[in-house]
Amino acid sequence: MNDTVTRPDIITAIVLLGDADAEVRLRAAVDLGTWRAAEAAPALVARLGNEPSHAIRETLTWALLRIADASRPLLLAALGDASWLTRMQACHVLSKLGDAGDADVLLPVIADPVDAVASRAWWAAGQTGSVDVVEALAEQLGRGDSELRNSLSIAFEALGDIGVPELGRRLRRSDSAAVREHAADTLGLIGSPAADPGVLTLREALDDPDPLVGFAVLNALGQLDSAQARDAVRAAADAEDPRLRGLAARLTRRHRSEPPARAVPAQGRVLAHGLVAAAPGVLVGLACEHAALAESRAMLDLAGRIAELAVGDPRLDAATLPAAVLPDGTRVGDALDRLSALAGEALALASVERLEGPSSHYLQLVDGVPRIGVLIGHTGAPGPETDRILAKVGLQVALGRPRHLAATEVPAREWERVREASLRQARSEGVPESLDERVVAGAAADYATRHVLLNQVSITDPGVTIDGLLYGRGIRLTGFRRISVGDRP
């Protein structure tokens, strides 16, 4: 603050913020901003909900930004104010700050019943750049008229690629045609390269039962600048709907000549996403770069076909499956390459696990996608009760991540490692040597509780271990296998 400005000057300016003369109010706001008068922050925030002039509200915004440290807590509190104008203006100022730390506080205002408030909240949320606002924003898809919907799309555009997976999920799963149409429009607005992982999702949505959604999907594909998007547009030239065929023809005329899209090599790329498919006695894991591909119908279908093929020949593993031939005459490796080319990203057969003898499988869904697969070998008699218990065991393996079935299966060298580590810790803590055997026994018991399936506390029934869960039910476990692709810690 300027040293020549006195406290009475500031008090006077604060009073004049509420003057009947607009010119006086404007001058007061300019003065307080120029002086960076932090003590005026409460008055400036309070005025946001009472100022009728848009120009003066913008000046109040400018003044608050110049004292952001003092004003930000007050603005966050104002998001819960009873006045819609206060909430709207608080969102407006916070959008200028673009602080990722504001994401959680903005969540309730994103669903504000007043469209003007919600629209400003959407923009403020987009400016945080935080993944935490994505789901809340997606809940607003399909709301209001075209102008309001466009404001939400613009907020997603500001978020860029972090909003693309959730938009794809809404396009695939929403029961509302308005939501699906809005999601497609938004993917098109985001554009390339951020929205390119959504190409396969858009391509699969071309057959949406609502013609307006299909039209929005094709238009979105036309706005993306990738070989995969252009290939999808050309494929739409054979659509049943004449309007889609006409739009595809117009979009295709703008395309440059280019060779067909090719598979993307997996070498050097991070395949952090994927899914698991199961068939009797077999788990197959496919890995890819983006969640959108993992959530596609095409990838789920291909993984299932590969798993069924693996059942028929126990010699097939991750190394030999790519050369095996699917029932339609396509090599597995070629089918993977085809899907990679359609999606424009790397795709790989990550793992194959088998379990001999009677078994059941369990798939753990994450965001609606089977990302963890478990095989449980057992001797239980077929029936609903056995299925119920084995489902609990499958969940245990999926989330508890045991290393061994029983303590007797833990290698001797592992027990020796546990023994040595426990004794080293005992020595460092000054524990008497007379207690060594108790220390070792306790460490072995702790290891078993963490890493041995039968000794783990049941996730579904915390009062017992898995061994206790099985007691008296006529079920004996013979082994397990687990695959996780893109598993979350």
Protein backbone atom coordinates (compact mmCIF):
# COMPACT_ATOMS: atom_id res chain seq x y z
CA MET A 1 0.00 0.00 0.00
CA ASN A 2 1.18 3.49 -0.79
CA ASP A 3 2.69 5.10 2.36
CA THR A 4 0.91 8.37 1.62
CA VAL A 5 -2.50 6.70 1.93
CA THR A 6 -3.92 7.01 5.42
CA ARG A 7 -6.36 4.77 7.26
CA PRO A 8 -9.06 7.46 7.07
CA ASP A 9 -8.59 7.45 3.27
CA ILE A 10 -9.24 3.71 3.18
CA ILE A 11 -12.25 3.95 5.50
CA THR A 12 -13.70 6.68 3.33
CA ALA A 13 -13.22 4.66 0.17
CA ILE A 14 -14.87 1.62 1.80
CA VAL A 15 -17.88 3.73 2.72
CA LEU A 16 -18.08 5.15 -0.79
CA LEU A 17 -18.25 1.63 -2.28
CA GLY A 18 -21.95 1.82 -1.39
CA ASP A 19 -22.57 5.37 -2.60
CA ALA A 20 -25.70 6.05 -4.68
CA ASP A 21 -23.57 7.64 -7.42
CA ALA A 22 -22.04 4.99 -9.72
CA GLU A 23 -19.09 7.24 -10.57
CA VAL A 24 -18.25 7.59 -6.89
CA ARG A 25 -18.46 3.83 -6.36
CA LEU A 26 -16.21 3.24 -9.35
CA ARG A 27 -13.64 5.73 -8.08
CA ALA A 28 -13.65 4.09 -4.63
CA ALA A 29 -13.05 0.63 -6.11
CA VAL A 30 -10.22 1.95 -8.29
CA ASP A 31 -8.61 3.68 -5.30
CA LEU A 32 -8.74 0.59 -3.08
CA GLY A 33 -7.26 -1.54 -5.84
CA THR A 34 -4.56 1.00 -6.61
CA TRP A 35 -3.63 1.19 -2.94
CA ARG A 36 -3.68 -2.63 -2.57
CA ALA A 37 -5.62 -2.07 0.62
CA ALA A 38 -5.79 -5.59 2.08
CA GLU A 39 -7.98 -4.42 4.96
CA ALA A 40 -10.65 -3.54 2.41
CA ALA A 41 -11.01 -7.16 1.26
CA PRO A 42 -14.16 -7.90 3.36
CA ALA A 43 -15.90 -4.78 2.05
CA LEU A 44 -14.92 -5.48 -1.56
CA VAL A 45 -16.17 -9.09 -1.37
CA ALA A 46 -19.39 -7.99 0.33
CA ARG A 47 -19.98 -5.44 -2.42
CA LEU A 48 -19.87 -8.13 -5.10
CA GLY A 49 -23.43 -9.20 -4.28
CA ASN A 50 -24.87 -5.68 -4.11
CA GLU A 51 -23.28 -3.89 -7.06
CA PRO A 52 -25.74 -3.51 -9.98
CA SER A 53 -23.17 -2.20 -12.48
CA HIS A 54 -21.29 -4.84 -14.46
CA ALA A 55 -18.43 -2.41 -15.10
CA ILE A 56 -18.00 -1.70 -11.41
CA ARG A 57 -18.17 -5.41 -10.56
CA GLU A 58 -15.27 -5.92 -12.98
CA THR A 59 -13.37 -3.17 -11.17
CA LEU A 60 -14.11 -4.86 -7.85
CA THR A 61 -12.70 -8.07 -9.37
CA TRP A 62 -9.54 -6.26 -10.39
CA ALA A 63 -9.14 -4.77 -6.92
CA LEU A 64 -9.60 -8.16 -5.24
CA LEU A 65 -7.01 -9.78 -7.49
CA ARG A 66 -4.49 -7.17 -6.39
CA ILE A 67 -4.94 -8.33 -2.78
CA ALA A 68 -5.40 -12.02 -3.55
CA ASP A 69 -3.84 -13.33 -0.33
CA ALA A 70 -6.37 -11.40 1.74
CA SER A 71 -9.37 -11.89 -0.54
CA ARG A 72 -9.11 -15.57 -1.47
CA PRO A 73 -10.36 -17.03 1.85
CA LEU A 74 -13.27 -14.58 1.80
CA LEU A 75 -14.12 -15.48 -1.80
CA LEU A 76 -14.11 -19.19 -0.97
CA ALA A 77 -16.49 -18.52 1.90
CA ALA A 78 -18.68 -16.41 -0.41
CA LEU A 79 -19.31 -19.49 -2.58
CA GLY A 80 -21.86 -20.51 0.06
CA ASP A 81 -23.54 -17.12 0.29
CA ALA A 82 -27.35 -16.93 0.01
CA SER A 83 -27.07 -14.29 -2.72
CA TRP A 84 -26.71 -15.79 -6.19
CA LEU A 85 -24.92 -12.65 -7.38
CA THR A 86 -22.31 -13.01 -4.63
CA ARG A 87 -21.74 -16.65 -5.54
CA MET A 88 -21.47 -15.82 -9.24
CA GLN A 89 -18.98 -13.02 -8.72
CA ALA A 90 -16.92 -15.06 -6.26
CA CYS A 91 -16.62 -17.78 -8.92
CA HIS A 92 -15.66 -15.12 -11.45
CA VAL A 93 -12.82 -13.77 -9.32
CA LEU A 94 -11.59 -17.24 -8.37
CA SER A 95 -11.48 -18.19 -12.06
CA LYS A 96 -8.92 -15.43 -12.52
CA LEU A 97 -6.75 -16.95 -9.81
CA GLY A 98 -6.90 -20.47 -11.30
CA ASP A 99 -5.71 -22.17 -8.12
CA ALA A 100 -5.84 -26.00 -8.15
CA GLY A 101 -6.40 -25.87 -4.40
CA ASP A 102 -9.85 -24.38 -4.97
CA ALA A 103 -11.18 -27.48 -6.75
CA ASP A 104 -12.87 -29.12 -3.76
CA VAL A 105 -14.54 -25.91 -2.59
CA LEU A 106 -15.95 -25.25 -6.05
CA LEU A 107 -17.64 -28.66 -6.30
CA PRO A 108 -20.96 -27.67 -4.66
CA VAL A 109 -21.29 -24.53 -6.80
CA ILE A 110 -20.80 -26.51 -10.01
CA ALA A 111 -24.33 -27.84 -9.49
CA ASP A 112 -25.78 -24.46 -8.43
CA PRO A 113 -29.45 -24.18 -9.44
CA VAL A 114 -28.87 -20.70 -10.87
CA ASP A 115 -27.48 -21.11 -14.38
CA ALA A 116 -25.45 -17.90 -14.22
CA VAL A 117 -23.70 -19.11 -11.06
CA ALA A 118 -23.15 -22.61 -12.40
CA SER A 119 -21.69 -21.27 -15.64
CA ARG A 120 -19.11 -19.16 -13.78
CA ALA A 121 -18.36 -22.09 -11.49
CA TRP A 122 -17.70 -24.31 -14.50
CA TRP A 123 -15.19 -21.86 -15.88
CA ALA A 124 -13.53 -21.44 -12.49
CA ALA A 125 -13.33 -25.23 -12.15
CA GLY A 126 -11.79 -25.54 -15.59
CA GLN A 127 -9.14 -23.00 -14.67
CA THR A 128 -8.02 -25.07 -11.68
CA GLY A 129 -6.68 -27.72 -14.07
CA SER A 130 -7.60 -30.32 -11.45
CA VAL A 131 -8.88 -33.80 -12.18
CA ASP A 132 -10.98 -33.49 -9.01
CA VAL A 133 -13.58 -31.33 -10.80
CA VAL A 134 -14.05 -33.57 -13.83
CA GLU A 135 -16.79 -35.84 -12.53
CA ALA A 136 -18.79 -32.95 -11.06
CA LEU A 137 -18.59 -31.08 -14.37
CA ALA A 138 -19.64 -34.19 -16.28
CA GLU A 139 -22.76 -34.41 -14.11
CA GLN A 140 -23.87 -31.12 -15.70
CA LEU A 141 -23.72 -32.40 -19.29
CA GLY A 142 -26.98 -31.86 -21.12
CA ARG A 143 -28.09 -29.02 -18.84
CA GLY A 144 -29.79 -25.90 -20.22
CA ASP A 145 -29.87 -24.34 -23.65
CA SER A 146 -27.14 -24.36 -26.27
CA GLU A 147 -25.43 -21.27 -24.81
CA LEU A 148 -25.22 -22.79 -21.33
CA ARG A 149 -24.01 -26.10 -22.71
CA ASN A 150 -21.34 -24.33 -24.67
CA SER A 151 -20.03 -22.70 -21.51
CA LEU A 152 -19.59 -26.15 -19.95
CA SER A 153 -17.83 -27.42 -23.08
CA ILE A 154 -15.46 -24.46 -22.90
CA ALA A 155 -14.64 -25.37 -19.28
CA PHE A 156 -13.78 -28.90 -20.42
CA GLU A 157 -11.68 -27.44 -23.21
CA ALA A 158 -9.66 -25.60 -20.56
CA LEU A 159 -9.08 -28.90 -18.73
CA GLY A 160 -7.78 -30.52 -21.91
CA ASP A 161 -6.97 -34.21 -21.91
CA ILE A 162 -7.83 -34.86 -18.25
CA GLY A 163 -11.55 -34.57 -19.00
CA VAL A 164 -11.55 -36.83 -22.07
CA PRO A 165 -11.94 -40.22 -20.29
CA GLU A 166 -14.99 -39.07 -18.33
CA LEU A 167 -16.59 -37.54 -21.42
CA GLY A 168 -16.09 -40.87 -23.16
CA ARG A 169 -17.78 -42.69 -20.29
CA ARG A 170 -20.80 -40.39 -20.46
CA LEU A 171 -20.99 -40.87 -24.22
CA ARG A 172 -20.99 -44.65 -23.79
CA ARG A 173 -23.07 -45.11 -20.67
CA SER A 174 -25.53 -42.27 -20.14
CA ASP A 175 -29.20 -43.04 -20.58
CA SER A 176 -29.80 -39.43 -21.65
CA ALA A 177 -29.44 -38.64 -25.34
CA ALA A 178 -28.89 -34.99 -24.40
CA VAL A 179 -25.91 -35.95 -22.24
CA ARG A 180 -24.43 -38.19 -24.94
CA GLU A 181 -24.84 -35.48 -27.56
CA HIS A 182 -23.25 -32.86 -25.31
CA ALA A 183 -20.33 -35.18 -24.49
CA ALA A 184 -19.67 -35.71 -28.20
CA ASP A 185 -19.87 -31.98 -28.93
CA THR A 186 -17.41 -31.31 -26.11
CA LEU A 187 -14.89 -33.86 -27.36
CA GLY A 188 -15.01 -32.15 -30.74
CA LEU A 189 -14.44 -28.74 -29.15
CA ILE A 190 -11.46 -30.00 -27.12
CA GLY A 191 -9.97 -31.15 -30.42
CA SER A 192 -6.63 -32.72 -31.27
CA PRO A 193 -4.34 -33.81 -29.79
CA ALA A 194 -6.01 -33.73 -26.35
CA ALA A 195 -9.18 -35.53 -27.47
CA ASP A 196 -7.48 -38.02 -29.81
CA PRO A 197 -7.64 -40.86 -27.21
CA GLY A 198 -11.43 -40.56 -27.53
CA VAL A 199 -11.53 -41.39 -31.24
CA LEU A 200 -12.41 -45.04 -30.76
CA THR A 201 -15.15 -44.12 -28.29
CA LEU A 202 -16.60 -41.70 -30.84
CA ARG A 203 -16.32 -44.26 -33.60
CA GLU A 204 -18.24 -46.81 -31.56
CA ALA A 205 -20.91 -44.20 -30.77
CA LEU A 206 -21.69 -43.63 -34.46
CA ASP A 207 -24.37 -46.30 -34.13
CA ASP A 208 -26.11 -44.48 -31.27
CA PRO A 209 -29.89 -45.06 -31.46
CA ASP A 210 -30.55 -41.32 -31.30
CA PRO A 211 -29.82 -39.71 -34.70
CA LEU A 212 -28.88 -36.36 -33.12
CA VAL A 213 -26.21 -38.08 -31.04
CA GLY A 214 -24.83 -39.85 -34.10
CA PHE A 215 -24.70 -36.55 -35.95
CA ALA A 216 -22.86 -34.88 -33.04
CA VAL A 217 -20.43 -37.80 -32.88
CA LEU A 218 -19.60 -37.60 -36.58
CA ASN A 219 -19.22 -33.84 -36.38
CA ALA A 220 -16.81 -34.27 -33.44
CA LEU A 221 -14.75 -36.77 -35.42
CA GLY A 222 -14.62 -34.23 -38.23
CA GLN A 223 -13.09 -31.68 -35.87
CA LEU A 224 -10.26 -33.98 -34.78
CA ASP A 225 -7.02 -33.88 -36.73
CA SER A 226 -5.78 -37.45 -36.62
CA ALA A 227 -5.55 -40.26 -39.14
CA GLN A 228 -7.78 -42.39 -36.90
CA ALA A 229 -10.51 -39.73 -36.81
CA ARG A 230 -10.40 -39.29 -40.58
CA ASP A 231 -10.60 -43.06 -41.04
CA ALA A 232 -13.70 -43.15 -38.83
CA VAL A 233 -15.29 -40.35 -40.87
CA ARG A 234 -14.64 -42.22 -44.12
CA ALA A 235 -16.16 -45.38 -42.62
CA ALA A 236 -19.33 -43.40 -41.83
CA ALA A 237 -19.90 -42.93 -45.56
CA ASP A 238 -21.61 -46.35 -45.42
CA ALA A 239 -23.94 -45.43 -42.53
CA GLU A 240 -27.62 -46.27 -42.82
CA ASP A 241 -28.73 -42.73 -41.92
CA PRO A 242 -28.59 -40.57 -45.09
CA ARG A 243 -27.76 -37.49 -43.01
CA LEU A 244 -24.70 -39.20 -41.61
CA ARG A 245 -23.67 -40.32 -45.08
CA GLY A 246 -24.04 -36.76 -46.36
CA LEU A 247 -22.03 -35.25 -43.51
CA ALA A 248 -19.34 -37.92 -43.90
CA ALA A 249 -19.07 -37.13 -47.59
CA ARG A 250 -18.67 -33.39 -46.90
CA LEU A 251 -16.06 -34.00 -44.20
CA THR A 252 -14.17 -36.50 -46.36
CA ARG A 253 -13.80 -33.99 -49.19
CA ARG A 254 -11.69 -31.88 -46.85
CA HIS A 255 -9.31 -34.74 -46.05
CA ARG A 256 -5.81 -34.81 -47.40
CA SER A 257 -4.53 -37.97 -49.07
CA GLU A 258 -2.72 -40.20 -46.61
CA PRO A 259 -1.72 -43.86 -46.18
CA PRO A 260 -3.88 -46.10 -43.97
CA ALA A 261 -3.28 -45.78 -40.24
CA ARG A 262 -0.79 -48.28 -38.85
CA ALA A 263 -0.36 -49.95 -35.49
CA VAL A 264 1.58 -47.94 -32.93
CA PRO A 265 4.71 -49.72 -31.61
CA ALA A 266 4.57 -50.37 -27.87
CA GLN A 267 8.32 -50.00 -27.37
CA GLY A 268 9.19 -46.92 -25.36
CA ARG A 269 5.56 -46.13 -24.49
CA VAL A 270 3.94 -46.26 -21.07
CA LEU A 271 1.01 -48.69 -21.13
CA ALA A 272 -0.58 -47.61 -17.87
CA HIS A 273 -4.13 -48.69 -18.67
CA GLY A 274 -5.79 -51.85 -19.85
CA LEU A 275 -8.23 -54.59 -18.94
CA VAL A 276 -8.43 -58.24 -17.97
CA ALA A 277 -10.64 -60.90 -19.58
CA ALA A 278 -11.42 -64.29 -18.09
CA ALA A 279 -12.42 -67.68 -19.47
CA PRO A 280 -12.47 -71.06 -17.69
CA GLY A 281 -9.04 -71.45 -16.10
CA VAL A 282 -7.51 -68.52 -18.00
CA LEU A 283 -6.85 -64.81 -17.46
CA VAL A 284 -5.68 -62.53 -20.28
CA GLY A 285 -4.45 -58.98 -19.72
CA LEU A 286 -4.27 -56.35 -22.46
CA ALA A 287 -2.41 -53.08 -21.85
CA CYS A 288 -2.79 -49.72 -23.59
CA GLU A 289 -1.90 -46.06 -23.18
CA HIS A 290 -5.23 -44.41 -22.36
CA ALA A 291 -8.33 -45.22 -20.34
CA ALA A 292 -10.60 -44.50 -23.33
CA LEU A 293 -9.25 -47.49 -25.26
CA ALA A 294 -9.45 -49.76 -22.21
CA GLU A 295 -13.11 -48.80 -21.82
CA SER A 296 -14.02 -49.41 -25.46
CA ARG A 297 -16.32 -52.20 -26.64
CA ALA A 298 -13.71 -53.22 -29.21
CA MET A 299 -10.97 -53.87 -26.66
CA LEU A 300 -13.26 -55.74 -24.26
CA ASP A 301 -14.52 -57.92 -27.13
CA LEU A 302 -11.01 -58.66 -28.39
CA ALA A 303 -9.74 -59.57 -24.92
CA GLY A 304 -12.66 -61.94 -24.45
CA ARG A 305 -12.02 -63.66 -27.79
CA ILE A 306 -8.33 -64.08 -26.97
CA ALA A 307 -9.16 -65.59 -23.56
CA GLU A 308 -11.58 -68.08 -25.15
CA LEU A 309 -8.93 -69.02 -27.69
CA ALA A 310 -6.38 -69.62 -24.92
CA VAL A 311 -8.74 -72.05 -23.18
CA GLY A 312 -8.63 -74.39 -26.15
CA ASP A 313 -4.85 -74.83 -26.12
CA PRO A 314 -3.03 -74.93 -22.74
CA ARG A 315 0.30 -74.40 -24.52
CA LEU A 316 -0.60 -70.84 -25.52
CA ASP A 317 1.01 -68.13 -23.41
CA ALA A 318 1.85 -64.43 -23.78
CA ALA A 319 4.69 -65.25 -26.17
CA THR A 320 2.82 -67.66 -28.45
CA LEU A 321 -0.73 -66.27 -28.42
CA PRO A 322 -0.02 -63.46 -30.95
CA ALA A 323 0.61 -66.10 -33.64
CA ALA A 324 -2.52 -68.09 -32.79
CA VAL A 325 -5.56 -67.76 -35.04
CA LEU A 326 -8.96 -66.55 -33.83
CA PRO A 327 -12.16 -68.27 -35.05
CA ASP A 328 -12.65 -65.57 -37.72
CA GLY A 329 -9.28 -66.50 -39.28
CA THR A 330 -7.40 -63.45 -37.94
CA ARG A 331 -4.12 -63.85 -36.09
CA VAL A 332 -4.24 -62.47 -32.57
CA GLY A 333 -1.26 -60.22 -33.30
CA ASP A 334 -2.99 -58.81 -36.40
CA ALA A 335 -6.18 -58.17 -34.44
CA LEU A 336 -4.18 -56.28 -31.82
CA ASP A 337 -2.45 -54.25 -34.55
CA ARG A 338 -5.78 -53.44 -36.19
CA LEU A 339 -7.23 -52.11 -32.94
CA SER A 340 -4.02 -50.17 -32.26
CA ALA A 341 -4.30 -48.53 -35.68
CA LEU A 342 -7.97 -47.64 -35.10
CA ALA A 343 -7.22 -46.10 -31.71
CA GLY A 344 -3.92 -44.46 -32.65
CA GLU A 345 -2.09 -45.76 -29.61
CA ALA A 346 0.02 -48.70 -28.52
CA LEU A 347 -1.71 -51.89 -27.44
CA ALA A 348 -0.11 -55.09 -26.19
CA LEU A 349 -0.91 -58.54 -24.86
CA ALA A 350 0.49 -57.98 -21.38
CA SER A 351 0.02 -61.30 -19.60
CA VAL A 352 -1.63 -64.70 -19.59
CA GLU A 353 -2.25 -66.71 -16.41
CA ARG A 354 -3.60 -70.25 -16.10
CA LEU A 355 -4.75 -72.52 -13.29
CA GLU A 356 -5.25 -76.24 -13.73
CA GLY A 357 -8.19 -78.09 -12.25
CA PRO A 358 -11.57 -76.71 -11.11
CA SER A 359 -11.49 -72.94 -10.71
CA SER A 360 -13.63 -69.86 -10.63
CA HIS A 361 -12.75 -66.36 -11.74
CA TYR A 362 -13.37 -62.91 -10.31
CA LEU A 363 -13.03 -59.59 -12.13
CA GLN A 364 -12.61 -56.35 -10.17
CA LEU A 365 -14.08 -53.35 -11.97
CA VAL A 366 -12.42 -49.93 -11.79
CA ASP A 367 -14.42 -47.17 -13.53
CA GLY A 368 -16.54 -49.92 -15.04
CA VAL A 369 -13.56 -51.73 -16.58
CA PRO A 370 -12.21 -55.14 -15.43
CA ARG A 371 -8.69 -54.06 -14.48
CA ILE A 372 -7.93 -56.87 -12.00
CA GLY A 373 -8.58 -60.54 -12.70
CA VAL A 374 -8.33 -63.46 -10.28
CA LEU A 375 -8.48 -67.23 -10.71
CA ILE A 376 -9.30 -69.31 -7.62
CA GLY A 377 -8.61 -73.04 -7.68
CA HIS A 378 -10.89 -74.97 -5.32
CA THR A 379 -12.58 -78.26 -4.50
CA GLY A 380 -15.95 -76.84 -3.54
CA ALA A 381 -19.16 -78.41 -4.83
CA PRO A 382 -20.98 -76.35 -7.48
CA GLY A 383 -23.77 -74.17 -6.14
CA PRO A 384 -24.79 -70.65 -5.09
CA GLU A 385 -23.18 -70.91 -1.65
CA THR A 386 -19.82 -71.97 -3.09
CA ASP A 387 -20.04 -69.18 -5.68
CA ARG A 388 -20.77 -66.64 -2.92
CA ILE A 389 -17.78 -67.66 -0.81
CA LEU A 390 -15.44 -67.84 -3.78
CA ALA A 391 -16.49 -64.36 -4.86
CA LYS A 392 -15.36 -63.14 -1.43
CA VAL A 393 -12.05 -64.93 -1.85
CA GLY A 394 -11.66 -63.43 -5.32
CA LEU A 395 -12.15 -59.94 -3.90
CA GLN A 396 -9.59 -60.76 -1.21
CA VAL A 397 -6.97 -61.72 -3.78
CA ALA A 398 -7.79 -58.70 -5.94
CA LEU A 399 -7.46 -56.14 -3.15
CA GLY A 400 -5.34 -57.96 -0.54
CA ARG A 401 -2.66 -58.99 -3.08
CA PRO A 402 -1.44 -62.10 -1.26
CA ARG A 403 1.81 -63.69 -2.42
CA HIS A 404 1.18 -67.24 -1.21
CA LEU A 405 -1.81 -69.48 -0.60
CA ALA A 406 -0.65 -71.05 2.67
CA ALA A 407 2.25 -70.53 5.08
CA THR A 408 3.64 -73.93 4.05
CA GLU A 409 4.10 -72.58 0.50
CA VAL A 410 6.34 -69.69 1.56
CA PRO A 411 9.92 -70.54 0.43
CA ALA A 412 12.44 -71.24 3.17
CA ARG A 413 14.66 -68.41 1.94
CA GLU A 414 11.75 -65.97 2.45
CA TRP A 415 11.25 -67.10 6.03
CA GLU A 416 14.98 -66.68 6.58
CA ARG A 417 14.79 -63.15 5.20
CA VAL A 418 11.94 -62.36 7.60
CA ARG A 419 13.96 -63.82 10.49
CA GLU A 420 17.09 -61.80 9.69
CA ALA A 421 15.19 -58.55 9.18
CA SER A 422 13.34 -58.94 12.50
CA LEU A 423 16.55 -59.63 14.41
CA ARG A 424 18.32 -56.64 12.83
CA GLN A 425 15.48 -54.41 13.92
CA ALA A 426 15.49 -55.94 17.40
CA ARG A 427 19.21 -55.22 17.77
CA SER A 428 18.75 -51.62 16.57
CA GLU A 429 15.97 -51.10 19.14
CA GLY A 430 17.94 -52.64 22.00
CA VAL A 431 15.67 -55.66 22.47
CA PRO A 432 17.35 -58.30 24.69
CA GLU A 433 18.61 -61.40 22.88
CA SER A 434 16.58 -63.54 25.27
CA LEU A 435 13.48 -62.40 23.34
CA ASP A 436 14.83 -63.29 19.90
CA GLU A 437 12.62 -66.30 19.33
CA ARG A 438 9.49 -64.35 20.28
CA VAL A 439 10.57 -61.52 17.99
CA VAL A 440 11.06 -63.93 15.09
CA ALA A 441 7.76 -65.72 15.75
CA GLY A 442 5.90 -62.41 15.83
CA ALA A 443 7.53 -61.24 12.60
CA ALA A 444 6.60 -64.52 10.89
CA ALA A 445 2.99 -64.17 12.05
CA ASP A 446 2.87 -60.58 10.79
CA TYR A 447 4.29 -61.65 7.43
CA ALA A 448 1.65 -64.35 7.10
CA THR A 449 -1.15 -61.91 7.94
CA ARG A 450 0.03 -59.57 5.20
CA HIS A 451 1.09 -61.97 2.45
CA VAL A 452 -0.50 -65.41 2.97
CA LEU A 453 -4.06 -65.68 1.64
CA LEU A 454 -5.41 -68.09 4.25
CA ASN A 455 -3.96 -65.95 7.06
CA GLN A 456 -5.26 -62.61 5.80
CA VAL A 457 -8.15 -60.94 7.60
CA SER A 458 -11.19 -61.19 5.36
CA ILE A 459 -12.07 -57.93 3.62
CA THR A 460 -15.75 -58.86 3.51
CA ASP A 461 -15.93 -60.46 6.99
CA PRO A 462 -13.29 -58.71 9.16
CA GLY A 463 -14.11 -60.89 12.16
CA VAL A 464 -12.37 -63.89 10.60
CA THR A 465 -9.40 -64.80 8.44
CA ILE A 466 -9.87 -66.35 5.02
CA ASP A 467 -9.15 -69.73 6.60
CA GLY A 468 -11.94 -69.03 9.08
CA LEU A 469 -14.25 -67.91 6.30
CA LEU A 470 -13.83 -71.28 4.60
CA TYR A 471 -14.13 -73.36 7.78
CA GLY A 472 -16.96 -75.89 7.67
CA ARG A 473 -18.08 -74.95 4.16
CA GLY A 474 -16.56 -77.88 2.31
CA ILE A 475 -14.32 -75.63 0.21
CA ARG A 476 -10.57 -76.12 -0.02
CA LEU A 477 -8.43 -73.70 -2.01
CA THR A 478 -5.85 -75.26 -4.32
CA GLY A 479 -4.22 -72.14 -5.74
CA PHE A 480 -4.77 -68.69 -7.16
CA ARG A 481 -3.55 -66.39 -9.93
CA ARG A 482 -3.87 -62.62 -10.22
CA ILE A 483 -3.44 -60.14 -13.08
CA SER A 484 -3.66 -56.39 -12.68
CA VAL A 485 -3.42 -53.98 -15.61
CA GLY A 486 -3.29 -50.31 -14.76
CA ASP A 487 -3.90 -51.36 -11.16
CA ARG A 488 -4.30 -48.50 -8.70
CA PRO A 489 -2.28 -48.71 -5.49
